[in-house]
Amino acid sequence: MHMERLSHWSGHLNREMPLNRYGHAGLPVVVFASSGGSHDEYYDFGMIEACRSFIEEGRLQFFTLASVDQESWLADWKAPHDRALMHTNYEHYVIEEAIPFIKHHTGWFDPMMTTGCSMGAYHALNFFLQHPDVFNNVVALSGVYDARYFVGEYGEDSLIYQNSPADYLWQQNDGWFIDHYRQAQIVVCTGLGDWEQDGLPSFYTLKEAFDQKKIPAWFSEWGQDVAHDWEWWRRQMPYFLSQMYF
């Protein structure tokens, strides 16, 4: 399997940002790390190995990004608005720097896929919903999609609201966004076992919003034995990929 360790400077974050590439061809998959995870995590926990057949066949190539979660949503010493500001800087990095870097590196200029587990699932779905021209495939595994989970009640703070999918999707009535959503492949999955309870309320809220807006999406519930853990994500990811077209 082809693997590259890459790095590039981010003006938005004022630092060098590492990322890894796994694969030589095919649709780029942008991977967001779980809570506090690194760009090496997806490989270290066996997710790349679980997706090996898609990679070796040249159907997919994975780009695993570094995160700044410890300085944004997880930085509980900061005011909620300041956490959202740091996340916004990260958003600018991803869209204006990482995505062009990946395009230049691969020669792929069409929309990409995005995915993640746990907090990475939050990022994957949020980035897709905010930028459906950049991503037209998303697989979100075991995420929490309500910003209150990170910052508590946020009042009238529009910057936090704009990054709380369980809230803002209800008010998204722009035809351009809705049309892009309806043309995408969307998978949102949760288990019902250990440590999955935090994500269930926003999972069901989002499912209701998607249904109400007639946006096709696969909201998949796995059983009571399915925990919030890599063991299950290693099973889920290749399963969903095998059901998608790309």
Protein backbone atom coordinates (compact mmCIF):
# COMPACT_ATOMS: atom_id res chain seq x y z
CA MET A 1 0.00 0.00 0.00
CA HIS A 2 1.29 3.45 -0.93
CA MET A 3 1.79 5.72 2.10
CA GLU A 4 3.18 9.25 2.37
CA ARG A 5 3.86 11.48 5.35
CA LEU A 6 3.09 15.02 4.25
CA SER A 7 3.14 18.46 5.81
CA HIS A 8 2.33 22.02 4.85
CA TRP A 9 2.24 25.44 6.45
CA SER A 10 -1.08 26.87 7.59
CA GLY A 11 -1.34 30.62 7.63
CA HIS A 12 -4.74 30.38 9.32
CA LEU A 13 -3.33 28.33 12.21
CA ASN A 14 0.21 29.76 12.08
CA ARG A 15 1.88 26.37 12.22
CA GLU A 16 3.02 23.41 10.19
CA MET A 17 0.19 20.91 9.77
CA PRO A 18 1.02 17.23 9.18
CA LEU A 19 -1.21 14.83 7.28
CA ASN A 20 -0.82 11.30 5.96
CA ARG A 21 -1.81 9.83 2.63
CA TYR A 22 -2.75 6.18 2.27
CA GLY A 23 -3.34 5.07 -1.31
CA HIS A 24 -2.23 5.94 -4.80
CA ALA A 25 -5.47 6.70 -6.69
CA GLY A 26 -9.21 7.08 -6.48
CA LEU A 27 -11.59 9.31 -4.58
CA PRO A 28 -9.82 11.25 -1.79
CA VAL A 29 -11.28 10.63 1.66
CA VAL A 30 -10.57 13.38 4.19
CA VAL A 31 -10.41 11.87 7.68
CA PHE A 32 -10.98 13.88 10.86
CA ALA A 33 -9.49 12.50 14.08
CA SER A 34 -11.45 11.57 17.18
CA SER A 35 -11.29 13.68 20.34
CA GLY A 36 -7.73 14.84 20.78
CA GLY A 37 -6.47 12.36 18.20
CA SER A 38 -3.62 12.85 15.75
CA HIS A 39 -3.19 12.37 12.02
CA ASP A 40 -1.64 8.95 12.79
CA GLU A 41 -4.62 7.69 14.77
CA TYR A 42 -6.65 6.28 11.87
CA TYR A 43 -3.76 4.02 10.92
CA ASP A 44 -2.77 3.21 14.50
CA PHE A 45 -6.25 1.94 15.38
CA GLY A 46 -6.53 -0.28 12.32
CA MET A 47 -8.94 1.75 10.21
CA ILE A 48 -6.62 1.90 7.21
CA GLU A 49 -6.11 -1.85 7.40
CA ALA A 50 -9.89 -2.32 7.58
CA CYS A 51 -10.22 -0.34 4.33
CA ARG A 52 -7.18 -1.90 2.65
CA SER A 53 -9.05 -3.51 -0.25
CA PHE A 54 -10.58 -0.18 -1.34
CA ILE A 55 -7.15 1.44 -1.16
CA GLU A 56 -5.18 -1.25 -2.97
CA GLU A 57 -7.79 -1.39 -5.75
CA GLY A 58 -7.23 2.32 -6.35
CA ARG A 59 -10.82 3.20 -5.50
CA LEU A 60 -10.05 5.35 -2.46
CA GLN A 61 -7.10 7.24 -1.02
CA PHE A 62 -7.27 8.44 2.58
CA PHE A 63 -5.86 11.74 3.84
CA THR A 64 -5.76 11.84 7.64
CA LEU A 65 -5.67 15.37 9.05
CA ALA A 66 -4.30 16.70 12.31
CA SER A 67 -6.79 18.37 14.64
CA VAL A 68 -6.83 21.41 16.91
CA ASP A 69 -9.70 20.15 19.10
CA GLN A 70 -7.66 20.65 22.27
CA GLU A 71 -7.56 24.36 21.42
CA SER A 72 -11.15 24.64 20.23
CA TRP A 73 -14.15 22.61 21.39
CA LEU A 74 -12.25 20.64 24.05
CA ALA A 75 -10.52 23.72 25.54
CA ASP A 76 -12.81 24.05 28.56
CA TRP A 77 -10.65 26.83 30.04
CA LYS A 78 -11.70 29.10 27.17
CA ALA A 79 -14.94 30.99 26.79
CA PRO A 80 -17.35 29.17 24.43
CA HIS A 81 -17.11 31.91 21.80
CA ASP A 82 -13.31 31.69 21.79
CA ARG A 83 -13.51 27.95 21.25
CA ALA A 84 -15.78 28.54 18.26
CA LEU A 85 -13.32 31.14 16.91
CA MET A 86 -10.51 28.59 17.00
CA HIS A 87 -12.71 26.08 15.24
CA THR A 88 -13.42 28.71 12.57
CA ASN A 89 -9.67 29.11 12.03
CA TYR A 90 -9.49 25.33 11.61
CA GLU A 91 -12.34 25.45 9.11
CA HIS A 92 -10.43 28.03 7.07
CA TYR A 93 -7.36 25.80 7.23
CA VAL A 94 -9.26 22.75 5.99
CA ILE A 95 -11.17 24.44 3.17
CA GLU A 96 -8.63 27.03 2.02
CA GLU A 97 -5.35 25.20 2.65
CA ALA A 98 -5.69 21.43 3.20
CA ILE A 99 -8.19 20.79 0.41
CA PRO A 100 -6.16 22.75 -2.21
CA PHE A 101 -3.03 20.92 -0.99
CA ILE A 102 -4.76 17.55 -1.52
CA LYS A 103 -6.04 18.63 -4.94
CA HIS A 104 -2.58 19.70 -6.00
CA HIS A 105 -1.04 16.49 -4.66
CA THR A 106 -3.53 14.17 -6.37
CA GLY A 107 -4.82 16.05 -9.39
CA TRP A 108 -8.35 15.37 -8.11
CA PHE A 109 -10.52 18.46 -8.52
CA ASP A 110 -14.01 17.02 -7.99
CA PRO A 111 -15.83 16.80 -4.64
CA MET A 112 -14.36 14.40 -2.09
CA MET A 113 -15.54 12.12 0.70
CA THR A 114 -15.14 12.91 4.39
CA THR A 115 -15.34 10.67 7.42
CA GLY A 116 -14.50 10.38 11.08
CA CYS A 117 -15.27 8.52 14.29
CA SER A 118 -16.57 10.11 17.49
CA MET A 119 -15.55 13.78 17.37
CA GLY A 120 -14.24 13.14 13.89
CA ALA A 121 -17.79 12.23 12.90
CA TYR A 122 -18.99 15.60 14.19
CA HIS A 123 -16.38 17.34 12.05
CA ALA A 124 -17.11 15.20 8.99
CA LEU A 125 -20.84 15.88 9.05
CA ASN A 126 -20.45 19.54 9.98
CA PHE A 127 -17.92 20.18 7.22
CA PHE A 128 -20.11 18.37 4.70
CA LEU A 129 -23.19 20.38 5.68
CA GLN A 130 -21.25 23.65 5.55
CA HIS A 131 -19.39 22.84 2.31
CA PRO A 132 -21.40 20.38 0.18
CA ASP A 133 -19.56 21.62 -2.91
CA VAL A 134 -16.28 20.35 -1.40
CA PHE A 135 -17.64 17.04 -0.04
CA ASN A 136 -20.42 15.00 -1.61
CA ASN A 137 -19.93 11.80 0.40
CA VAL A 138 -19.85 11.54 4.19
CA VAL A 139 -19.62 8.62 6.62
CA ALA A 140 -20.06 9.79 10.22
CA LEU A 141 -19.60 7.11 12.90
CA SER A 142 -20.71 7.65 16.52
CA GLY A 143 -20.70 11.45 16.58
CA VAL A 144 -22.32 14.07 18.78
CA TYR A 145 -23.80 16.78 16.58
CA ASP A 146 -25.03 19.28 19.16
CA ALA A 147 -22.51 21.98 20.20
CA ARG A 148 -24.06 22.09 23.67
CA TYR A 149 -22.24 18.86 24.39
CA PHE A 150 -18.97 20.82 24.15
CA VAL A 151 -19.87 24.27 25.49
CA GLY A 152 -23.24 24.02 27.25
CA GLU A 153 -26.09 26.41 26.51
CA TYR A 154 -24.69 29.03 24.15
CA GLY A 155 -27.49 31.60 24.04
CA GLU A 156 -27.44 33.86 21.00
CA ASP A 157 -23.86 33.10 19.94
CA SER A 158 -24.26 32.75 16.18
CA LEU A 159 -20.74 31.35 15.68
CA ILE A 160 -21.48 28.38 17.92
CA TYR A 161 -24.95 27.95 16.39
CA GLN A 162 -23.40 27.80 12.92
CA ASN A 163 -21.38 24.80 14.05
CA SER A 164 -24.17 22.87 15.76
CA PRO A 165 -25.71 20.70 13.03
CA ALA A 166 -28.56 19.49 15.23
CA ASP A 167 -29.64 23.14 15.47
CA TYR A 168 -28.80 24.88 12.21
CA LEU A 169 -29.98 22.20 9.80
CA TRP A 170 -33.58 22.90 10.81
CA GLN A 171 -33.20 26.48 9.57
CA GLN A 172 -31.31 25.61 6.39
CA ASN A 173 -33.75 26.45 3.61
CA ASP A 174 -31.31 27.65 0.96
CA GLY A 175 -32.07 25.76 -2.23
CA TRP A 176 -28.41 25.56 -3.23
CA PHE A 177 -27.53 23.70 -0.02
CA ILE A 178 -30.60 21.48 -0.05
CA ASP A 179 -30.00 20.48 -3.68
CA HIS A 180 -26.39 19.58 -2.92
CA TYR A 181 -27.45 17.56 0.14
CA ARG A 182 -29.98 15.63 -1.92
CA GLN A 183 -27.32 14.68 -4.47
CA ALA A 184 -24.84 13.42 -1.86
CA GLN A 185 -24.29 10.06 -0.22
CA ILE A 186 -24.79 10.53 3.52
CA VAL A 187 -24.24 7.88 6.17
CA VAL A 188 -24.72 8.63 9.88
CA CYS A 189 -24.25 5.62 12.13
CA THR A 190 -24.49 4.98 15.85
CA GLY A 191 -24.34 1.97 18.09
CA LEU A 192 -26.73 1.55 21.00
CA GLY A 193 -24.23 0.08 23.43
CA ASP A 194 -21.65 1.36 25.87
CA TRP A 195 -20.63 5.04 25.65
CA GLU A 196 -22.96 5.77 22.72
CA GLN A 197 -25.69 7.44 24.77
CA ASP A 198 -24.22 10.95 24.55
CA GLY A 199 -24.67 10.96 20.78
CA LEU A 200 -28.17 9.50 20.55
CA PRO A 201 -30.25 12.67 21.14
CA SER A 202 -28.55 14.60 18.32
CA PHE A 203 -28.57 11.49 16.10
CA TYR A 204 -32.36 11.32 16.32
CA THR A 205 -32.77 15.09 16.05
CA LEU A 206 -30.74 15.14 12.86
CA LYS A 207 -32.62 12.16 11.44
CA GLU A 208 -35.88 14.02 11.98
CA ALA A 209 -34.48 17.15 10.30
CA PHE A 210 -33.23 15.19 7.29
CA ASP A 211 -36.59 13.43 6.98
CA GLN A 212 -38.55 16.66 7.25
CA LYS A 213 -36.46 18.31 4.54
CA LYS A 214 -36.66 15.21 2.33
CA ILE A 215 -32.88 14.82 2.21
CA PRO A 216 -31.98 11.16 1.54
CA ALA A 217 -29.60 9.87 4.18
CA TRP A 218 -28.82 6.52 5.77
CA PHE A 219 -29.22 6.84 9.53
CA SER A 220 -28.06 3.44 10.70
CA GLU A 221 -28.54 2.11 14.23
CA TRP A 222 -26.45 -0.87 15.27
CA GLY A 223 -27.32 -3.05 18.26
CA GLN A 224 -27.19 -2.83 22.04
CA ASP A 225 -23.86 -4.66 21.97
CA VAL A 226 -22.26 -2.06 19.66
CA ALA A 227 -20.04 0.23 21.71
CA HIS A 228 -18.40 3.58 21.04
CA ASP A 229 -15.11 1.96 20.16
CA TRP A 230 -12.63 1.27 17.38
CA GLU A 231 -13.54 -2.42 17.34
CA TRP A 232 -16.92 -1.48 15.87
CA TRP A 233 -15.77 1.37 13.70
CA ARG A 234 -13.34 -1.03 11.99
CA ARG A 235 -16.38 -3.14 11.05
CA GLN A 236 -18.70 -0.28 10.14
CA MET A 237 -16.45 1.67 7.80
CA PRO A 238 -15.76 -1.07 5.22
CA TYR A 239 -19.39 -2.20 5.46
CA PHE A 240 -20.71 1.23 4.51
CA LEU A 241 -18.07 1.75 1.85
CA SER A 242 -19.15 -1.52 0.25
CA GLN A 243 -22.69 -0.13 -0.04
CA MET A 244 -21.70 3.19 -1.62
CA TYR A 245 -20.88 4.09 -5.18
CA PHE A 246 -17.75 6.06 -6.04
